[in-house]
């Protein structure tokens, strides 16, 4: 990641995601304070939005297999399911999130693991691929409500035995 503040006060945060033979670069921009019809220009800024999203994640994410929030579904995806599955174990992204104190959630979709990770702004990234070191019991989820917990999509929150096993093996 790299960030820079320009002379006019605008800022950019550049995040690069690496995949064999490809680099995906994502730029987050914050402009200078614009004319705003609200009385207080500081009421709504990207920084406040980020603080809000990160706060919701802190409230809703209980563990790596329990809890998520409505912002999890606002994500971009970085899938590695065929051309690089033998190269990248997506658990490296969970390890990095742990180091940065960011929230994440594991899911299982058939033979493929999905890992939703908050980036430093609170936006979510969905990583799809293979893993040999994620939690042994990953909850399942599908958009048609065929999930371990019905249609709540929260994961293994009510199954204390599985949560305990996940805690022991994490």
C-alpha atoms as a PDB file:
ATOM      1  CA  UNK A   1       0.000   0.000   0.000  1.00  0.00           C
ATOM      2  CA  UNK A   2       1.076   3.533  -0.624  1.00  0.00           C
ATOM      3  CA  UNK A   3      -0.582   6.812   0.248  1.00  0.00           C
ATOM      4  CA  UNK A   4       0.141  10.392  -0.729  1.00  0.00           C
ATOM      5  CA  UNK A   5      -1.256  13.828   0.117  1.00  0.00           C
ATOM      6  CA  UNK A   6      -1.045  16.404  -2.672  1.00  0.00           C
ATOM      7  CA  UNK A   7      -0.474  20.169  -2.412  1.00  0.00           C
ATOM      8  CA  UNK A   8      -4.204  20.895  -2.858  1.00  0.00           C
ATOM      9  CA  UNK A   9      -5.068  18.637   0.107  1.00  0.00           C
ATOM     10  CA  UNK A  10      -6.420  15.720  -1.904  1.00  0.00           C
ATOM     11  CA  UNK A  11      -5.222  12.244  -0.935  1.00  0.00           C
ATOM     12  CA  UNK A  12      -4.761   8.891  -2.623  1.00  0.00           C
ATOM     13  CA  UNK A  13      -4.315   5.406  -1.149  1.00  0.00           C
ATOM     14  CA  UNK A  14      -3.052   2.798  -3.636  1.00  0.00           C
ATOM     15  CA  UNK A  15      -3.518  -0.900  -2.865  1.00  0.00           C
ATOM     16  CA  UNK A  16      -1.952  -3.553  -5.108  1.00  0.00           C
ATOM     17  CA  UNK A  17      -3.178  -7.162  -5.124  1.00  0.00           C
ATOM     18  CA  UNK A  18      -0.770  -9.635  -6.686  1.00  0.00           C
ATOM     19  CA  UNK A  19      -1.781 -12.681  -8.675  1.00  0.00           C
ATOM     20  CA  UNK A  20       0.584 -14.692 -10.894  1.00  0.00           C
ATOM     21  CA  UNK A  21       1.148 -12.682 -14.083  1.00  0.00           C
ATOM     22  CA  UNK A  22      -1.258  -9.934 -12.951  1.00  0.00           C
ATOM     23  CA  UNK A  23      -1.412  -7.003 -10.585  1.00  0.00           C
ATOM     24  CA  UNK A  24      -4.721  -5.435  -9.637  1.00  0.00           C
ATOM     25  CA  UNK A  25      -4.297  -1.835  -8.514  1.00  0.00           C
ATOM     26  CA  UNK A  26      -7.092  -0.122  -6.594  1.00  0.00           C
ATOM     27  CA  UNK A  27      -6.971   3.625  -5.922  1.00  0.00           C
ATOM     28  CA  UNK A  28      -8.978   5.304  -3.161  1.00  0.00           C
ATOM     29  CA  UNK A  29      -9.226   9.077  -3.633  1.00  0.00           C
ATOM     30  CA  UNK A  30     -10.368  11.787  -1.266  1.00  0.00           C
ATOM     31  CA  UNK A  31     -10.676  15.220  -2.769  1.00  0.00           C
ATOM     32  CA  UNK A  32     -10.444  18.535  -1.027  1.00  0.00           C
ATOM     33  CA  UNK A  33     -13.485  19.853   0.830  1.00  0.00           C
ATOM     34  CA  UNK A  34     -16.082  20.757  -1.766  1.00  0.00           C
ATOM     35  CA  UNK A  35     -18.906  23.251  -1.550  1.00  0.00           C
ATOM     36  CA  UNK A  36     -21.555  21.450   0.443  1.00  0.00           C
ATOM     37  CA  UNK A  37     -25.211  22.388   0.928  1.00  0.00           C
ATOM     38  CA  UNK A  38     -24.940  21.201   4.519  1.00  0.00           C
ATOM     39  CA  UNK A  39     -24.102  23.823   7.133  1.00  0.00           C
ATOM     40  CA  UNK A  40     -21.045  21.949   8.359  1.00  0.00           C
ATOM     41  CA  UNK A  41     -18.744  20.645   5.623  1.00  0.00           C
ATOM     42  CA  UNK A  42     -17.158  18.212   8.099  1.00  0.00           C
ATOM     43  CA  UNK A  43     -20.383  16.292   8.740  1.00  0.00           C
ATOM     44  CA  UNK A  44     -19.855  13.847   5.904  1.00  0.00           C
ATOM     45  CA  UNK A  45     -16.370  12.964   4.717  1.00  0.00           C
ATOM     46  CA  UNK A  46     -14.793   9.774   3.411  1.00  0.00           C
ATOM     47  CA  UNK A  47     -12.959   9.490   6.736  1.00  0.00           C
ATOM     48  CA  UNK A  48     -16.265   9.502   8.674  1.00  0.00           C
ATOM     49  CA  UNK A  49     -17.720   6.919   6.271  1.00  0.00           C
ATOM     50  CA  UNK A  50     -14.668   4.702   6.781  1.00  0.00           C
ATOM     51  CA  UNK A  51     -14.915   5.075  10.563  1.00  0.00           C
ATOM     52  CA  UNK A  52     -18.592   4.129  10.362  1.00  0.00           C
ATOM     53  CA  UNK A  53     -17.965   0.985   8.251  1.00  0.00           C
ATOM     54  CA  UNK A  54     -15.038  -0.164  10.407  1.00  0.00           C
ATOM     55  CA  UNK A  55     -17.179   0.394  13.531  1.00  0.00           C
ATOM     56  CA  UNK A  56     -19.996  -1.733  12.119  1.00  0.00           C
ATOM     57  CA  UNK A  57     -17.475  -4.504  11.378  1.00  0.00           C
ATOM     58  CA  UNK A  58     -16.188  -4.297  14.961  1.00  0.00           C
ATOM     59  CA  UNK A  59     -19.727  -4.666  16.312  1.00  0.00           C
ATOM     60  CA  UNK A  60     -20.883  -7.488  14.039  1.00  0.00           C
ATOM     61  CA  UNK A  61     -17.874  -9.725  13.417  1.00  0.00           C
ATOM     62  CA  UNK A  62     -17.568 -12.159  16.333  1.00  0.00           C
ATOM     63  CA  UNK A  63     -14.976 -14.539  14.886  1.00  0.00           C
ATOM     64  CA  UNK A  64     -13.644 -15.589  11.502  1.00  0.00           C
ATOM     65  CA  UNK A  65     -16.689 -17.876  11.059  1.00  0.00           C
ATOM     66  CA  UNK A  66     -19.391 -15.957  12.964  1.00  0.00           C
ATOM     67  CA  UNK A  67     -20.924 -12.623  12.152  1.00  0.00           C
ATOM     68  CA  UNK A  68     -20.955 -10.278   9.251  1.00  0.00           C
ATOM     69  CA  UNK A  69     -22.767  -7.118   8.373  1.00  0.00           C
ATOM     70  CA  UNK A  70     -24.535  -5.528   5.434  1.00  0.00           C
ATOM     71  CA  UNK A  71     -21.305  -3.945   4.233  1.00  0.00           C
ATOM     72  CA  UNK A  72     -19.731  -7.364   3.620  1.00  0.00           C
ATOM     73  CA  UNK A  73     -21.798  -7.621   0.449  1.00  0.00           C
ATOM     74  CA  UNK A  74     -20.348  -4.332  -0.853  1.00  0.00           C
ATOM     75  CA  UNK A  75     -17.091  -5.793  -2.060  1.00  0.00           C
ATOM     76  CA  UNK A  76     -14.827  -6.317  -4.971  1.00  0.00           C
ATOM     77  CA  UNK A  77     -13.597  -9.785  -5.762  1.00  0.00           C
ATOM     78  CA  UNK A  78     -10.151 -11.240  -6.316  1.00  0.00           C
ATOM     79  CA  UNK A  79     -10.654 -14.881  -7.285  1.00  0.00           C
ATOM     80  CA  UNK A  80      -7.943 -17.422  -7.794  1.00  0.00           C
ATOM     81  CA  UNK A  81      -9.835 -20.616  -8.517  1.00  0.00           C
ATOM     82  CA  UNK A  82      -8.172 -22.167 -11.544  1.00  0.00           C
ATOM     83  CA  UNK A  83      -5.094 -20.428 -12.926  1.00  0.00           C
ATOM     84  CA  UNK A  84      -3.320 -19.930  -9.625  1.00  0.00           C
ATOM     85  CA  UNK A  85      -4.905 -22.246  -7.057  1.00  0.00           C
ATOM     86  CA  UNK A  86      -1.649 -24.164  -6.663  1.00  0.00           C
ATOM     87  CA  UNK A  87       0.306 -20.946  -6.127  1.00  0.00           C
ATOM     88  CA  UNK A  88      -1.721 -18.890  -3.625  1.00  0.00           C
ATOM     89  CA  UNK A  89      -3.329 -20.176  -0.433  1.00  0.00           C
ATOM     90  CA  UNK A  90      -5.885 -17.479   0.379  1.00  0.00           C
ATOM     91  CA  UNK A  91      -5.218 -17.854   4.110  1.00  0.00           C
ATOM     92  CA  UNK A  92      -2.256 -15.481   3.566  1.00  0.00           C
ATOM     93  CA  UNK A  93      -4.855 -12.686   3.329  1.00  0.00           C
ATOM     94  CA  UNK A  94      -6.399 -13.702   6.673  1.00  0.00           C
ATOM     95  CA  UNK A  95      -2.909 -13.726   8.205  1.00  0.00           C
ATOM     96  CA  UNK A  96      -2.275 -10.214   6.882  1.00  0.00           C
ATOM     97  CA  UNK A  97      -5.675  -9.022   8.161  1.00  0.00           C
ATOM     98  CA  UNK A  98      -4.762 -10.373  11.614  1.00  0.00           C
ATOM     99  CA  UNK A  99      -1.496  -8.415  11.532  1.00  0.00           C
ATOM    100  CA  UNK A 100      -3.380  -5.239  10.592  1.00  0.00           C
ATOM    101  CA  UNK A 101      -6.239  -5.794  13.061  1.00  0.00           C
ATOM    102  CA  UNK A 102      -8.818  -6.030  10.270  1.00  0.00           C
ATOM    103  CA  UNK A 103     -11.994  -8.132  10.373  1.00  0.00           C
ATOM    104  CA  UNK A 104     -12.623 -11.071   8.049  1.00  0.00           C
ATOM    105  CA  UNK A 105     -15.017 -13.968   7.529  1.00  0.00           C
ATOM    106  CA  UNK A 106     -14.510 -17.419   5.987  1.00  0.00           C
ATOM    107  CA  UNK A 107     -17.156 -19.139   3.852  1.00  0.00           C
ATOM    108  CA  UNK A 108     -17.260 -22.402   1.929  1.00  0.00           C
ATOM    109  CA  UNK A 109     -18.840 -22.504  -1.516  1.00  0.00           C
ATOM    110  CA  UNK A 110     -18.520 -26.082  -2.701  1.00  0.00           C
ATOM    111  CA  UNK A 111     -14.842 -27.013  -2.941  1.00  0.00           C
ATOM    112  CA  UNK A 112     -13.763 -23.360  -2.998  1.00  0.00           C
ATOM    113  CA  UNK A 113     -13.109 -21.229   0.061  1.00  0.00           C
ATOM    114  CA  UNK A 114     -14.167 -17.618   0.164  1.00  0.00           C
ATOM    115  CA  UNK A 115     -12.604 -15.108   2.482  1.00  0.00           C
ATOM    116  CA  UNK A 116     -14.103 -11.649   2.930  1.00  0.00           C
ATOM    117  CA  UNK A 117     -11.536  -9.229   4.359  1.00  0.00           C
ATOM    118  CA  UNK A 118     -12.026  -5.612   5.355  1.00  0.00           C
ATOM    119  CA  UNK A 119      -9.488  -3.297   3.823  1.00  0.00           C
ATOM    120  CA  UNK A 120      -8.213  -0.356   5.924  1.00  0.00           C
ATOM    121  CA  UNK A 121     -11.090   1.834   4.666  1.00  0.00           C
ATOM    122  CA  UNK A 122     -13.788  -0.643   5.752  1.00  0.00           C
ATOM    123  CA  UNK A 123     -14.589  -1.777   2.222  1.00  0.00           C
ATOM    124  CA  UNK A 124     -14.606  -5.559   1.787  1.00  0.00           C
ATOM    125  CA  UNK A 125     -12.514  -7.698  -0.546  1.00  0.00           C
ATOM    126  CA  UNK A 126     -13.721 -11.190  -1.445  1.00  0.00           C
ATOM    127  CA  UNK A 127     -10.891 -13.650  -2.040  1.00  0.00           C
ATOM    128  CA  UNK A 128     -11.913 -16.926  -3.657  1.00  0.00           C
ATOM    129  CA  UNK A 129      -9.591 -19.885  -3.937  1.00  0.00           C
ATOM    130  CA  UNK A 130      -8.053 -22.794  -2.135  1.00  0.00           C
ATOM    131  CA  UNK A 131      -6.719 -23.010   1.390  1.00  0.00           C
ATOM    132  CA  UNK A 132      -5.080 -25.674   3.492  1.00  0.00           C
ATOM    133  CA  UNK A 133      -4.856 -23.642   6.681  1.00  0.00           C
ATOM    134  CA  UNK A 134      -8.159 -21.799   7.101  1.00  0.00           C
ATOM    135  CA  UNK A 135     -10.634 -22.954   9.764  1.00  0.00           C
ATOM    136  CA  UNK A 136     -11.494 -26.623   9.393  1.00  0.00           C
ATOM    137  CA  UNK A 137     -15.226 -25.860   9.621  1.00  0.00           C
ATOM    138  CA  UNK A 138     -16.191 -23.032   7.286  1.00  0.00           C
ATOM    139  CA  UNK A 139     -19.882 -22.101   7.114  1.00  0.00           C
ATOM    140  CA  UNK A 140     -21.673 -22.374   3.790  1.00  0.00           C
ATOM    141  CA  UNK A 141     -23.636 -19.581   2.201  1.00  0.00           C
ATOM    142  CA  UNK A 142     -25.461 -18.920  -1.027  1.00  0.00           C
ATOM    143  CA  UNK A 143     -27.542 -16.012  -2.231  1.00  0.00           C
ATOM    144  CA  UNK A 144     -30.661 -18.214  -2.363  1.00  0.00           C
ATOM    145  CA  UNK A 145     -30.561 -18.677   1.438  1.00  0.00           C
ATOM    146  CA  UNK A 146     -29.105 -22.165   1.414  1.00  0.00           C
ATOM    147  CA  UNK A 147     -26.868 -21.382   4.356  1.00  0.00           C
ATOM    148  CA  UNK A 148     -25.926 -23.100   7.585  1.00  0.00           C
ATOM    149  CA  UNK A 149     -28.070 -20.621   9.495  1.00  0.00           C
ATOM    150  CA  UNK A 150     -30.973 -20.246   7.085  1.00  0.00           C
ATOM    151  CA  UNK A 151     -30.935 -16.866   5.417  1.00  0.00           C
ATOM    152  CA  UNK A 152     -29.191 -14.890   8.153  1.00  0.00           C
ATOM    153  CA  UNK A 153     -25.780 -15.398   6.549  1.00  0.00           C
ATOM    154  CA  UNK A 154     -23.958 -14.972   9.856  1.00  0.00           C
ATOM    155  CA  UNK A 155     -22.108 -18.290   9.833  1.00  0.00           C
ATOM    156  CA  UNK A 156     -21.488 -20.597  12.797  1.00  0.00           C
ATOM    157  CA  UNK A 157     -22.725 -18.325  15.558  1.00  0.00           C
ATOM    158  CA  UNK A 158     -25.082 -20.690  17.377  1.00  0.00           C
ATOM    159  CA  UNK A 159     -22.993 -23.829  17.121  1.00  0.00           C
ATOM    160  CA  UNK A 160     -20.757 -23.564  20.179  1.00  0.00           C
ATOM    161  CA  UNK A 161     -18.971 -26.854  19.508  1.00  0.00           C
ATOM    162  CA  UNK A 162     -17.828 -25.721  16.058  1.00  0.00           C
ATOM    163  CA  UNK A 163     -16.875 -22.287  17.402  1.00  0.00           C
ATOM    164  CA  UNK A 164     -14.811 -23.999  20.090  1.00  0.00           C
ATOM    165  CA  UNK A 165     -13.040 -26.210  17.525  1.00  0.00           C
ATOM    166  CA  UNK A 166     -12.354 -23.157  15.345  1.00  0.00           C
ATOM    167  CA  UNK A 167     -10.973 -21.315  18.369  1.00  0.00           C
ATOM    168  CA  UNK A 168      -8.725 -24.235  19.279  1.00  0.00           C
ATOM    169  CA  UNK A 169      -7.362 -24.608  15.759  1.00  0.00           C
ATOM    170  CA  UNK A 170      -6.895 -20.911  14.976  1.00  0.00           C
END
